[in-house]
Amino acid sequence: MSRSILERRLVDVSERLKRLRAELAVIDEQAAFLEEEADDARLRAMVAETPLVDAEARDARRHADAIGHHRETLVQSIAALGQEQDKLLDRMAAELSAS
């Protein structure tokens, strides 16, 4: 693979990593908020013992779980891109040392 292609791929992976890490920071804030909301709703449901409040608590838990799943997907994507970046850097270093 030519050096220019390696460099372009490396830049692309780096930009994607930056975007995903920024998104992860936002998701972390949202997840913390939704977890707190789900915990509050659960407590309200325990005290109120009404079907409406129980439904609200289940909804809040579903939202918190959904964003938790999305967060895990992001973390896996970031890890995969990090590995791809490492491989590209290794290839670039190997080509430089071979020159």
Protein backbone atom coordinates (compact mmCIF):
# COMPACT_ATOMS: atom_id res chain seq x y z
CA MET A 1 0.00 0.00 0.00
CA SER A 2 1.43 3.37 -0.93
CA ARG A 3 2.39 5.83 1.74
CA SER A 4 -0.15 8.43 0.56
CA ILE A 5 -3.00 5.91 0.83
CA LEU A 6 -1.82 4.93 4.31
CA GLU A 7 -1.69 8.57 5.33
CA ARG A 8 -5.19 9.24 3.98
CA ARG A 9 -6.60 6.19 5.75
CA LEU A 10 -4.85 7.22 8.95
CA VAL A 11 -6.29 10.73 8.75
CA ASP A 12 -9.76 9.30 8.07
CA VAL A 13 -9.56 6.92 11.03
CA SER A 14 -8.27 9.72 13.25
CA GLU A 15 -11.17 12.01 12.28
CA ARG A 16 -13.70 9.24 12.85
CA LEU A 17 -12.16 8.56 16.28
CA LYS A 18 -12.45 12.24 17.21
CA ARG A 19 -16.12 12.32 16.18
CA LEU A 20 -16.95 9.12 18.07
CA ARG A 21 -15.12 10.29 21.20
CA ALA A 22 -17.03 13.58 21.11
CA GLU A 23 -20.28 11.67 20.70
CA LEU A 24 -19.31 9.40 23.58
CA ALA A 25 -18.80 12.42 25.84
CA VAL A 26 -22.32 13.62 25.04
CA ILE A 27 -23.77 10.12 25.49
CA ASP A 28 -22.04 9.79 28.88
CA GLU A 29 -23.77 12.96 30.08
CA GLN A 30 -27.12 11.82 28.72
CA ALA A 31 -26.70 8.35 30.22
CA ALA A 32 -25.95 9.78 33.66
CA PHE A 33 -29.05 11.97 33.45
CA LEU A 34 -31.29 9.14 32.26
CA GLU A 35 -29.98 6.76 34.92
CA GLU A 36 -30.80 9.31 37.59
CA GLU A 37 -34.24 9.83 36.09
CA ALA A 38 -34.87 6.07 35.99
CA ASP A 39 -33.82 5.72 39.64
CA ASP A 40 -36.09 8.60 40.67
CA ALA A 41 -38.99 7.14 38.70
CA ARG A 42 -38.44 3.73 40.31
CA LEU A 43 -38.58 5.31 43.77
CA ARG A 44 -41.73 7.25 42.89
CA ALA A 45 -43.30 4.01 41.62
CA MET A 46 -42.48 2.23 44.86
CA VAL A 47 -44.07 5.00 46.92
CA ALA A 48 -47.08 5.71 44.72
CA GLU A 49 -47.92 2.12 43.79
CA THR A 50 -50.10 3.19 40.84
CA PRO A 51 -50.14 1.74 37.33
CA LEU A 52 -49.40 5.12 35.72
CA VAL A 53 -46.33 5.74 37.83
CA ASP A 54 -45.17 2.15 37.25
CA ALA A 55 -45.47 2.70 33.49
CA GLU A 56 -43.45 5.92 33.76
CA ALA A 57 -40.75 4.07 35.69
CA ARG A 58 -40.60 1.33 33.04
CA ASP A 59 -40.35 3.96 30.30
CA ALA A 60 -37.55 5.75 32.12
CA ARG A 61 -35.69 2.45 32.57
CA ARG A 62 -36.11 1.58 28.87
CA HIS A 63 -34.63 4.94 27.88
CA ALA A 64 -31.69 4.52 30.24
CA ASP A 65 -31.09 0.98 28.97
CA ALA A 66 -31.29 2.11 25.33
CA ILE A 67 -28.71 4.83 25.79
CA GLY A 68 -26.54 2.39 27.73
CA HIS A 69 -26.66 0.03 24.77
CA HIS A 70 -25.82 2.86 22.38
CA ARG A 71 -22.89 3.82 24.61
CA GLU A 72 -21.53 0.27 24.52
CA THR A 73 -21.80 0.25 20.73
CA LEU A 74 -19.82 3.50 20.61
CA VAL A 75 -17.16 2.13 22.95
CA GLN A 76 -16.78 -0.96 20.73
CA SER A 77 -16.53 1.21 17.61
CA ILE A 78 -13.88 3.38 19.24
CA ALA A 79 -11.89 0.29 20.25
CA ALA A 80 -12.09 -1.14 16.72
CA LEU A 81 -10.97 2.15 15.19
CA GLY A 82 -8.14 2.36 17.70
CA GLN A 83 -6.95 -1.07 16.60
CA GLU A 84 -7.23 -0.09 12.96
CA GLN A 85 -5.23 3.06 13.67
CA ASP A 86 -2.54 1.03 15.41
CA LYS A 87 -2.29 -1.34 12.44
CA LEU A 88 -1.98 1.56 10.02
CA LEU A 89 0.72 3.15 12.14
CA ASP A 90 2.58 -0.15 12.31
CA ARG A 91 2.42 -0.50 8.51
CA MET A 92 3.61 3.06 8.07
CA ALA A 93 6.50 2.52 10.49
CA ALA A 94 7.43 -0.71 8.71
CA GLU A 95 7.46 1.05 5.34
CA LEU A 96 9.56 3.90 6.72
CA SER A 97 12.12 1.53 8.23
CA ALA A 98 12.27 -0.48 5.00
CA SER A 99 13.10 2.66 3.00
